[in-house]
Amino acid sequence: MFKTYLQERSSWITFIIGLQFLSLLIALVDPTLSLAGMLYLVLLSFIFLVIFIIVRYQRETRFYKKLKDSNDDYQPVSPFQSIVADHLTTISNQHEQHLSTNQIELEQEKDQLLAWIHEVKTPLTALQLVIDRVNDRSVKQSLHYEWLRLHLLLDQQLHIRRMPAIENDLYIETVDLSSLLIEEIKPLYTWCQQKKIGFDLEHIDAEVISDGKWLAFIIRQIVINAIKYSENSTIEIKLYEEDQHKKLSIQDYGQGIATQDLSRIFDKGFTSTSTHNNQASTGMGLYLARNVASSLQITIDVNSTLDVGTNFTLTFPNRNAFLELSSM
């Protein structure tokens, strides 16, 4: 900051030093003036100049230091600083007003979208009843698959809108894993039939401490991915315990994930390099699953071999921090 201050005041300092050299030059030319006396005067001037610079530096830069540190408690000490401070305050107030307006509009749009999603669910339910009455098996399966895609996309959008306030929505309880898995797999039955995919559930008759609704969302995204990229195979789901942690393994034998993609599958919008032209992929499912899992203190690990299959492992915390908070 001191170097910057000297650069800012360099013209004034140069002017004053120039005047001192001019005084010495006049003393050399004019014999009536004492050169020693003039040197003494110039030396005193330099000393007072240094003291003046130090004092003014402390006084003038206090305002800019606080400004640089983004400290709102800056007090102008000169008319020019007052102009800068007033201008900055005006701009800050305008930005705060715009931010407040944008936040209100964003909340309104969010509420409108949530209301729309809930309204669409009613005709969607009616459409399912209509599809159930279709006699042609192949047509029925095709219609049900398209209905399921629409239902899952709406469900994903609903959870996206709820995620910013997930901390307020969590309800930690003992979750029956067996019932939860069956409830998640059941709606996918027609899709699995179409792709000739079965499920093998092992040791899932257990309970975990989590939020049932959000845990179901995580499992749903992983299972959907397993079905989407598999065919004529079995998806194996099993629960086991390791290092005092309960772990849920979801193993598919589909197309797998390329090595270069493994580190990016949880990135927002990533749709893999091997199936980049797949228009059905949104690149949001695993991204959302990882974010929700983080809020539930669940760790998601993935291992995959291309053209062999993929394994997702959910590791549950052995002591849930949400229970500790609720007991305080």
Protein backbone atom coordinates (compact mmCIF):
# COMPACT_ATOMS: atom_id res chain seq x y z
CA MET A 1 0.00 0.00 0.00
CA PHE A 2 2.89 2.43 0.81
CA LYS A 3 4.42 1.90 -2.63
CA THR A 4 1.04 2.56 -4.22
CA TYR A 5 0.67 5.74 -2.15
CA LEU A 6 4.11 7.01 -3.30
CA GLN A 7 3.16 6.32 -6.93
CA GLU A 8 -0.12 8.21 -6.44
CA ARG A 9 1.66 11.23 -4.90
CA SER A 10 4.77 11.04 -7.12
CA SER A 11 3.94 14.25 -9.02
CA TRP A 12 3.67 16.28 -5.79
CA ILE A 13 6.84 14.74 -4.33
CA THR A 14 8.74 15.37 -7.58
CA PHE A 15 7.54 18.98 -7.63
CA ILE A 16 8.69 19.64 -4.03
CA ILE A 17 12.09 17.96 -4.60
CA GLY A 18 12.47 19.97 -7.79
CA LEU A 19 11.92 23.19 -5.85
CA GLN A 20 14.70 22.22 -3.41
CA PHE A 21 17.14 21.59 -6.23
CA LEU A 22 16.10 24.92 -7.76
CA SER A 23 16.92 26.64 -4.46
CA LEU A 24 20.38 25.04 -4.44
CA LEU A 25 20.93 26.11 -8.06
CA ILE A 26 20.01 29.70 -7.21
CA ALA A 27 22.40 29.61 -4.22
CA LEU A 28 25.23 28.49 -6.52
CA VAL A 29 24.53 31.22 -9.05
CA ASP A 30 23.85 34.06 -6.59
CA PRO A 31 26.96 34.85 -4.47
CA THR A 32 24.89 36.84 -1.99
CA LEU A 33 23.21 33.63 -0.82
CA SER A 34 24.99 31.20 1.50
CA LEU A 35 25.27 27.72 -0.04
CA ALA A 36 25.75 26.11 3.39
CA GLY A 37 22.65 27.84 4.75
CA MET A 38 20.66 26.75 1.70
CA LEU A 39 21.86 23.14 2.10
CA TYR A 40 20.75 23.21 5.73
CA LEU A 41 17.33 24.55 4.67
CA VAL A 42 16.99 21.87 1.98
CA LEU A 43 17.94 19.14 4.49
CA LEU A 44 15.30 20.35 6.93
CA SER A 45 12.77 20.46 4.09
CA PHE A 46 13.53 16.83 3.21
CA ILE A 47 13.11 15.74 6.84
CA PHE A 48 9.78 17.55 7.12
CA LEU A 49 8.73 16.13 3.74
CA VAL A 50 9.36 12.54 4.96
CA ILE A 51 7.44 13.20 8.20
CA PHE A 52 4.62 14.79 6.22
CA ILE A 53 4.42 11.81 3.81
CA ILE A 54 4.30 9.30 6.69
CA VAL A 55 1.56 11.23 8.53
CA ARG A 56 -0.50 11.75 5.37
CA TYR A 57 -0.02 8.10 4.39
CA GLN A 58 -1.52 6.94 7.70
CA ARG A 59 -4.42 9.36 7.37
CA GLU A 60 -5.23 9.09 3.68
CA THR A 61 -4.86 5.33 3.19
CA ARG A 62 -7.06 4.35 6.15
CA PHE A 63 -10.12 4.85 3.95
CA TYR A 64 -8.70 2.87 1.00
CA LYS A 65 -7.46 0.01 3.20
CA LYS A 66 -10.97 -0.52 4.55
CA LEU A 67 -12.32 -0.19 1.03
CA LYS A 68 -9.84 -2.81 -0.21
CA ASP A 69 -10.80 -5.19 2.62
CA SER A 70 -14.49 -4.78 1.66
CA ASN A 71 -15.16 -3.28 5.06
CA ASP A 72 -18.42 -1.30 5.16
CA ASP A 73 -17.10 0.74 8.08
CA TYR A 74 -15.05 3.16 5.95
CA GLN A 75 -15.08 6.84 6.93
CA PRO A 76 -14.03 9.44 4.32
CA VAL A 77 -11.59 12.08 5.55
CA SER A 78 -11.52 14.33 2.51
CA PRO A 79 -14.06 15.80 0.03
CA PHE A 80 -12.83 13.49 -2.76
CA GLN A 81 -13.12 10.42 -0.53
CA SER A 82 -16.65 11.53 0.37
CA ILE A 83 -17.55 11.56 -3.33
CA VAL A 84 -16.17 8.01 -3.74
CA ALA A 85 -17.91 6.79 -0.56
CA ASP A 86 -21.28 8.27 -1.58
CA HIS A 87 -21.02 6.74 -5.04
CA LEU A 88 -20.13 3.32 -3.64
CA THR A 89 -22.99 3.49 -1.13
CA THR A 90 -25.45 4.36 -3.92
CA ILE A 91 -24.23 1.48 -6.10
CA SER A 92 -24.34 -0.93 -3.13
CA ASN A 93 -27.92 0.07 -2.30
CA GLN A 94 -28.97 -0.37 -5.93
CA HIS A 95 -27.39 -3.85 -6.06
CA GLU A 96 -29.10 -4.84 -2.82
CA GLN A 97 -32.46 -3.70 -4.20
CA HIS A 98 -31.90 -5.64 -7.45
CA LEU A 99 -30.79 -8.71 -5.47
CA SER A 100 -33.85 -8.52 -3.23
CA THR A 101 -36.13 -8.16 -6.26
CA ASN A 102 -34.46 -11.09 -8.04
CA GLN A 103 -34.73 -13.29 -4.95
CA ILE A 104 -38.45 -12.53 -4.64
CA GLU A 105 -39.01 -13.28 -8.34
CA LEU A 106 -36.96 -16.49 -8.06
CA GLU A 107 -39.02 -17.67 -5.08
CA GLN A 108 -42.23 -16.87 -6.96
CA GLU A 109 -41.06 -18.85 -10.01
CA LYS A 110 -40.05 -21.74 -7.75
CA ASP A 111 -43.48 -21.76 -6.08
CA GLN A 112 -45.21 -21.57 -9.46
CA LEU A 113 -43.16 -24.49 -10.79
CA LEU A 114 -43.85 -26.59 -7.69
CA ALA A 115 -47.56 -25.84 -8.04
CA TRP A 116 -47.40 -26.78 -11.73
CA ILE A 117 -45.64 -30.09 -10.98
CA HIS A 118 -48.29 -30.99 -8.41
CA GLU A 119 -51.08 -30.05 -10.85
CA VAL A 120 -49.54 -32.19 -13.62
CA LYS A 121 -49.44 -35.20 -11.30
CA THR A 122 -53.26 -35.38 -11.31
CA PRO A 123 -53.68 -35.96 -15.09
CA LEU A 124 -50.60 -38.16 -14.95
CA THR A 125 -52.34 -40.43 -12.44
CA ALA A 126 -55.45 -40.45 -14.63
CA LEU A 127 -53.29 -41.33 -17.64
CA GLN A 128 -51.89 -44.33 -15.76
CA LEU A 129 -55.42 -45.62 -15.19
CA VAL A 130 -56.14 -45.23 -18.90
CA ILE A 131 -52.95 -47.10 -19.81
CA ASP A 132 -53.90 -49.94 -17.46
CA ARG A 133 -57.08 -50.45 -19.50
CA VAL A 134 -55.17 -50.95 -22.78
CA ASN A 135 -55.44 -54.59 -23.90
CA ASP A 136 -52.60 -54.74 -26.41
CA ARG A 137 -49.56 -55.81 -24.36
CA SER A 138 -46.85 -54.25 -26.53
CA VAL A 139 -48.72 -50.95 -26.84
CA LYS A 140 -49.38 -50.97 -23.11
CA GLN A 141 -45.68 -51.48 -22.33
CA SER A 142 -44.64 -48.69 -24.69
CA LEU A 143 -47.18 -46.28 -23.23
CA HIS A 144 -46.21 -47.21 -19.69
CA TYR A 145 -42.53 -46.64 -20.46
CA GLU A 146 -43.23 -43.12 -21.78
CA TRP A 147 -45.48 -42.45 -18.78
CA LEU A 148 -42.69 -43.60 -16.46
CA ARG A 149 -40.16 -41.30 -18.14
CA LEU A 150 -42.49 -38.35 -17.68
CA HIS A 151 -43.18 -39.31 -14.07
CA LEU A 152 -39.47 -39.64 -13.24
CA LEU A 153 -38.60 -36.33 -14.89
CA LEU A 154 -41.30 -34.54 -12.91
CA ASP A 155 -40.12 -36.24 -9.74
CA GLN A 156 -36.55 -35.12 -10.45
CA GLN A 157 -37.65 -31.52 -11.02
CA LEU A 158 -39.64 -31.58 -7.80
CA HIS A 159 -36.59 -32.67 -5.82
CA ILE A 160 -34.34 -30.14 -7.58
CA ARG A 161 -36.64 -27.34 -6.37
CA ARG A 162 -36.69 -28.73 -2.84
CA MET A 163 -32.94 -29.26 -2.56
CA PRO A 164 -31.93 -25.68 -1.56
CA ALA A 165 -34.07 -26.10 1.57
CA ILE A 166 -33.23 -29.76 2.17
CA GLU A 167 -31.95 -29.09 5.71
CA ASN A 168 -35.44 -27.92 6.69
CA ASP A 169 -37.09 -30.90 5.02
CA LEU A 170 -35.06 -33.69 6.62
CA TYR A 171 -36.80 -36.08 9.02
CA ILE A 172 -34.35 -38.59 10.43
CA GLU A 173 -35.91 -41.91 11.40
CA THR A 174 -35.36 -45.65 11.32
CA VAL A 175 -35.97 -46.74 7.74
CA ASP A 176 -36.95 -50.28 6.75
CA LEU A 177 -34.60 -50.83 3.82
CA SER A 178 -36.47 -53.85 2.45
CA SER A 179 -39.79 -51.98 2.13
CA LEU A 180 -38.07 -48.92 0.66
CA LEU A 181 -36.29 -50.95 -2.04
CA ILE A 182 -39.42 -52.84 -3.02
CA GLU A 183 -41.40 -49.59 -3.26
CA GLU A 184 -38.73 -48.13 -5.54
CA ILE A 185 -38.41 -51.19 -7.79
CA LYS A 186 -42.14 -51.87 -8.17
CA PRO A 187 -42.95 -48.87 -10.47
CA LEU A 188 -40.06 -49.87 -12.74
CA TYR A 189 -41.42 -53.38 -13.32
CA THR A 190 -42.75 -52.77 -16.87
CA TRP A 191 -39.52 -51.06 -17.95
CA CYS A 192 -37.47 -53.94 -16.54
CA GLN A 193 -39.71 -56.44 -18.33
CA GLN A 194 -39.13 -54.58 -21.59
CA LYS A 195 -35.35 -54.73 -21.13
CA LYS A 196 -35.40 -58.25 -19.61
CA ILE A 197 -33.81 -57.11 -16.37
CA GLY A 198 -34.31 -58.83 -13.01
CA PHE A 199 -33.36 -57.99 -9.44
CA ASP A 200 -31.52 -60.10 -6.89
CA LEU A 201 -31.95 -58.72 -3.35
CA GLU A 202 -29.68 -60.07 -0.58
CA HIS A 203 -29.72 -59.42 3.16
CA ILE A 204 -31.86 -56.31 2.81
CA ASP A 205 -34.07 -57.14 5.81
CA ALA A 206 -32.44 -54.46 7.91
CA GLU A 207 -32.96 -50.94 9.15
CA VAL A 208 -30.86 -47.83 8.65
CA ILE A 209 -31.07 -44.40 10.23
CA SER A 210 -31.78 -41.80 7.56
CA ASP A 211 -34.48 -39.72 5.90
CA GLY A 212 -36.74 -42.20 4.11
CA LYS A 213 -37.92 -39.86 1.36
CA TRP A 214 -34.48 -38.53 0.41
CA LEU A 215 -32.80 -41.94 0.76
CA ALA A 216 -35.41 -43.33 -1.65
CA PHE A 217 -34.52 -40.52 -4.08
CA ILE A 218 -30.81 -41.44 -3.99
CA ILE A 219 -31.52 -45.15 -4.57
CA ARG A 220 -34.02 -44.30 -7.31
CA GLN A 221 -31.42 -42.32 -9.31
CA ILE A 222 -28.84 -45.11 -9.06
CA VAL A 223 -31.32 -47.90 -9.93
CA ILE A 224 -32.67 -45.89 -12.89
CA ASN A 225 -29.12 -45.48 -14.19
CA ALA A 226 -28.50 -49.22 -13.75
CA ILE A 227 -31.63 -50.09 -15.76
CA LYS A 228 -31.00 -47.43 -18.40
CA TYR A 229 -27.57 -48.79 -19.28
CA SER A 230 -28.29 -52.54 -18.87
CA GLU A 231 -30.12 -55.21 -20.82
CA ASN A 232 -30.77 -58.96 -20.42
CA SER A 233 -29.10 -59.02 -17.03
CA THR A 234 -29.66 -58.98 -13.27
CA ILE A 235 -29.17 -56.04 -10.93
CA GLU A 236 -27.84 -57.24 -7.59
CA ILE A 237 -28.65 -55.28 -4.45
CA LYS A 238 -27.25 -56.37 -1.10
CA LEU A 239 -26.64 -54.93 2.34
CA TYR A 240 -23.57 -55.82 4.38
CA GLU A 241 -21.56 -54.43 7.27
CA GLU A 242 -17.93 -53.39 7.10
CA ASP A 243 -15.83 -51.41 9.61
CA GLN A 244 -18.98 -50.88 11.74
CA HIS A 245 -20.72 -49.21 8.82
CA LYS A 246 -23.74 -50.55 6.95
CA LYS A 247 -23.15 -50.56 3.20
CA LEU A 248 -25.66 -50.96 0.39
CA SER A 249 -24.22 -52.33 -2.85
CA ILE A 250 -26.04 -51.88 -6.18
CA GLN A 251 -24.33 -53.91 -8.92
CA ASP A 252 -25.38 -53.95 -12.57
CA TYR A 253 -23.90 -55.83 -15.52
CA GLY A 254 -24.53 -53.25 -18.19
CA GLN A 255 -22.27 -51.26 -20.46
CA GLY A 256 -20.13 -49.89 -17.61
CA ILE A 257 -18.37 -46.55 -17.36
CA ALA A 258 -15.18 -45.60 -19.19
CA THR A 259 -12.15 -45.00 -16.95
CA GLN A 260 -11.82 -41.38 -18.07
CA ASP A 261 -15.46 -40.73 -17.10
CA LEU A 262 -15.41 -42.14 -13.55
CA SER A 263 -14.16 -38.93 -11.94
CA ARG A 264 -16.84 -36.86 -13.74
CA ILE A 265 -20.05 -38.88 -13.38
CA PHE A 266 -21.20 -36.80 -10.40
CA ASP A 267 -20.60 -33.50 -12.22
CA LYS A 268 -23.67 -31.46 -13.09
CA GLY A 269 -24.80 -32.08 -16.67
CA PHE A 270 -22.18 -34.74 -17.48
CA THR A 271 -23.58 -37.42 -19.82
CA SER A 272 -20.46 -39.57 -20.45
CA THR A 273 -18.17 -39.60 -23.46
CA SER A 274 -19.11 -43.09 -24.67
CA THR A 275 -22.87 -42.27 -24.97
CA HIS A 276 -22.53 -38.56 -25.63
CA ASN A 277 -25.23 -38.57 -28.31
CA ASN A 278 -27.85 -40.10 -26.01
CA GLN A 279 -30.55 -37.41 -25.94
CA ALA A 280 -32.42 -39.13 -23.10
CA SER A 281 -29.62 -38.43 -20.62
CA THR A 282 -29.85 -35.22 -18.60
CA GLY A 283 -26.67 -35.60 -16.56
CA MET A 284 -28.55 -34.61 -13.40
CA GLY A 285 -29.45 -37.88 -11.63
CA LEU A 286 -26.09 -38.79 -10.09
CA TYR A 287 -25.27 -35.12 -9.45
CA LEU A 288 -28.44 -34.77 -7.37
CA ALA A 289 -27.87 -38.13 -5.67
CA ARG A 290 -24.38 -37.07 -4.52
CA ASN A 291 -25.68 -33.72 -3.18
CA VAL A 292 -28.51 -35.35 -1.24
CA ALA A 293 -26.17 -38.05 0.08
CA SER A 294 -23.84 -35.35 1.40
CA SER A 295 -26.72 -33.85 3.42
CA LEU A 296 -27.52 -37.32 4.82
CA GLN A 297 -23.83 -38.03 5.56
CA ILE A 298 -23.92 -40.97 3.16
CA THR A 299 -20.82 -41.71 1.10
CA ILE A 300 -21.26 -42.94 -2.49
CA ASP A 301 -18.41 -44.93 -4.04
CA VAL A 302 -18.40 -46.25 -7.58
CA ASN A 303 -16.36 -48.92 -9.34
CA SER A 304 -16.89 -49.77 -12.99
CA THR A 305 -15.37 -51.65 -15.90
CA LEU A 306 -16.39 -50.81 -19.44
CA ASP A 307 -18.60 -53.51 -21.02
CA VAL A 308 -18.63 -55.45 -17.71
CA GLY A 309 -20.73 -53.48 -15.24
CA THR A 310 -20.90 -50.85 -12.52
CA ASN A 311 -21.09 -51.04 -8.73
CA PHE A 312 -22.41 -48.21 -6.55
CA THR A 313 -21.86 -48.52 -2.80
CA LEU A 314 -23.73 -46.38 -0.27
CA THR A 315 -21.98 -46.19 3.10
CA PHE A 316 -24.23 -45.14 5.97
CA PRO A 317 -22.82 -43.29 9.01
CA ASN A 318 -22.52 -45.37 12.16
CA ARG A 319 -23.55 -42.42 14.32
CA ASN A 320 -25.93 -40.08 12.60
CA ALA A 321 -25.19 -36.44 13.40
CA PHE A 322 -28.85 -35.52 12.90
CA LEU A 323 -29.83 -37.64 15.89
CA GLU A 324 -27.18 -35.90 18.00
CA LEU A 325 -28.58 -32.54 16.98
CA SER A 326 -32.17 -33.56 17.71
CA SER A 327 -31.21 -34.72 21.22
CA MET A 328 -29.55 -31.41 22.13
